[in-house]
Amino acid sequence: MRVVVALLLLLAAALGAFAWWGQYTVAGRTRYDEMDGLYPLGAGLLAGFLILAAAGVAWLAARQRKR
């Protein structure tokens, strides 16, 4: 389970970095303008979802260990 949590967090970090770059840097805003700006936004939302999923998996693993 630790590997799954680590992979989810690693993927979330990569997506979060892409989302930050696409939204908050001049190069990112130039590359992803107008409707293409939805890609970094979607990556940021997916990063948030993956962080919540990792927390859920970690919680379930801790719950199983208590039994």
C-alpha atoms as a PDB file:
ATOM      1  CA  MET A   1       0.000   0.000   0.000  1.00  0.00           C
ATOM      2  CA  ARG A   2       2.874   2.373   0.681  1.00  0.00           C
ATOM      3  CA  VAL A   3       3.968   2.033  -2.930  1.00  0.00           C
ATOM      4  CA  VAL A   4       0.487   2.930  -4.171  1.00  0.00           C
ATOM      5  CA  VAL A   5       0.335   5.984  -1.913  1.00  0.00           C
ATOM      6  CA  ALA A   6       3.821   7.054  -3.000  1.00  0.00           C
ATOM      7  CA  LEU A   7       2.942   6.656  -6.692  1.00  0.00           C
ATOM      8  CA  LEU A   8      -0.280   8.622  -6.295  1.00  0.00           C
ATOM      9  CA  LEU A   9       1.542  11.435  -4.522  1.00  0.00           C
ATOM     10  CA  LEU A  10       4.346  11.449  -7.087  1.00  0.00           C
ATOM     11  CA  LEU A  11       1.862  11.681  -9.947  1.00  0.00           C
ATOM     12  CA  ALA A  12      -0.053  14.406  -8.101  1.00  0.00           C
ATOM     13  CA  ALA A  13       3.158  16.378  -7.644  1.00  0.00           C
ATOM     14  CA  ALA A  14       3.981  16.132 -11.349  1.00  0.00           C
ATOM     15  CA  LEU A  15       0.474  17.191 -12.361  1.00  0.00           C
ATOM     16  CA  GLY A  16       0.507  19.980  -9.808  1.00  0.00           C
ATOM     17  CA  ALA A  17       3.819  21.281 -11.147  1.00  0.00           C
ATOM     18  CA  PHE A  18       2.432  21.246 -14.689  1.00  0.00           C
ATOM     19  CA  ALA A  19      -0.723  23.027 -13.543  1.00  0.00           C
ATOM     20  CA  TRP A  20       1.300  25.680 -11.719  1.00  0.00           C
ATOM     21  CA  TRP A  21       3.567  26.193 -14.730  1.00  0.00           C
ATOM     22  CA  GLY A  22       0.616  26.424 -17.126  1.00  0.00           C
ATOM     23  CA  GLN A  23      -1.325  28.888 -14.982  1.00  0.00           C
ATOM     24  CA  TYR A  24       1.266  31.077 -13.269  1.00  0.00           C
ATOM     25  CA  THR A  25       4.266  31.491 -15.581  1.00  0.00           C
ATOM     26  CA  VAL A  26       4.537  33.657 -18.663  1.00  0.00           C
ATOM     27  CA  ALA A  27       5.777  30.739 -20.767  1.00  0.00           C
ATOM     28  CA  GLY A  28       2.924  28.536 -19.565  1.00  0.00           C
ATOM     29  CA  ARG A  29       0.264  31.173 -20.185  1.00  0.00           C
ATOM     30  CA  THR A  30       1.716  31.766 -23.648  1.00  0.00           C
ATOM     31  CA  ARG A  31       1.716  28.055 -24.476  1.00  0.00           C
ATOM     32  CA  TYR A  32      -1.727  27.364 -23.004  1.00  0.00           C
ATOM     33  CA  ASP A  33      -3.845  30.362 -23.897  1.00  0.00           C
ATOM     34  CA  GLU A  34      -7.612  30.640 -24.328  1.00  0.00           C
ATOM     35  CA  MET A  35      -9.263  27.196 -24.440  1.00  0.00           C
ATOM     36  CA  ASP A  36      -5.946  25.360 -24.073  1.00  0.00           C
ATOM     37  CA  GLY A  37      -5.776  26.792 -20.562  1.00  0.00           C
ATOM     38  CA  LEU A  38      -8.185  24.052 -19.564  1.00  0.00           C
ATOM     39  CA  TYR A  39      -5.341  21.501 -19.679  1.00  0.00           C
ATOM     40  CA  PRO A  40      -3.400  22.993 -16.751  1.00  0.00           C
ATOM     41  CA  LEU A  41      -6.649  23.592 -14.879  1.00  0.00           C
ATOM     42  CA  GLY A  42      -7.693  19.968 -15.368  1.00  0.00           C
ATOM     43  CA  ALA A  43      -4.246  18.786 -14.310  1.00  0.00           C
ATOM     44  CA  GLY A  44      -4.558  20.794 -11.105  1.00  0.00           C
ATOM     45  CA  LEU A  45      -7.968  19.336 -10.349  1.00  0.00           C
ATOM     46  CA  LEU A  46      -6.708  15.826 -11.060  1.00  0.00           C
ATOM     47  CA  ALA A  47      -3.715  16.451  -8.786  1.00  0.00           C
ATOM     48  CA  GLY A  48      -6.076  17.409  -5.979  1.00  0.00           C
ATOM     49  CA  PHE A  49      -8.158  14.297  -6.580  1.00  0.00           C
ATOM     50  CA  LEU A  50      -5.053  12.091  -6.517  1.00  0.00           C
ATOM     51  CA  ILE A  51      -3.957  13.628  -3.214  1.00  0.00           C
ATOM     52  CA  LEU A  52      -7.364  12.817  -1.745  1.00  0.00           C
ATOM     53  CA  ALA A  53      -7.173   9.294  -3.170  1.00  0.00           C
ATOM     54  CA  ALA A  54      -3.721   8.795  -1.629  1.00  0.00           C
ATOM     55  CA  ALA A  55      -5.042   9.975   1.733  1.00  0.00           C
ATOM     56  CA  GLY A  56      -7.957   7.566   1.413  1.00  0.00           C
ATOM     57  CA  VAL A  57      -5.704   4.632   0.573  1.00  0.00           C
ATOM     58  CA  ALA A  58      -3.413   5.483   3.485  1.00  0.00           C
ATOM     59  CA  TRP A  59      -6.403   5.715   5.818  1.00  0.00           C
ATOM     60  CA  LEU A  60      -7.736   2.345   4.646  1.00  0.00           C
ATOM     61  CA  ALA A  61      -4.327   0.747   5.070  1.00  0.00           C
ATOM     62  CA  ALA A  62      -4.030   2.126   8.607  1.00  0.00           C
ATOM     63  CA  ARG A  63      -7.509   0.895   9.397  1.00  0.00           C
ATOM     64  CA  GLN A  64      -6.645  -2.610   8.163  1.00  0.00           C
ATOM     65  CA  ARG A  65      -3.485  -2.677  10.271  1.00  0.00           C
ATOM     66  CA  LYS A  66      -5.472  -1.876  13.423  1.00  0.00           C
ATOM     67  CA  ARG A  67      -7.595  -5.012  13.064  1.00  0.00           C
END
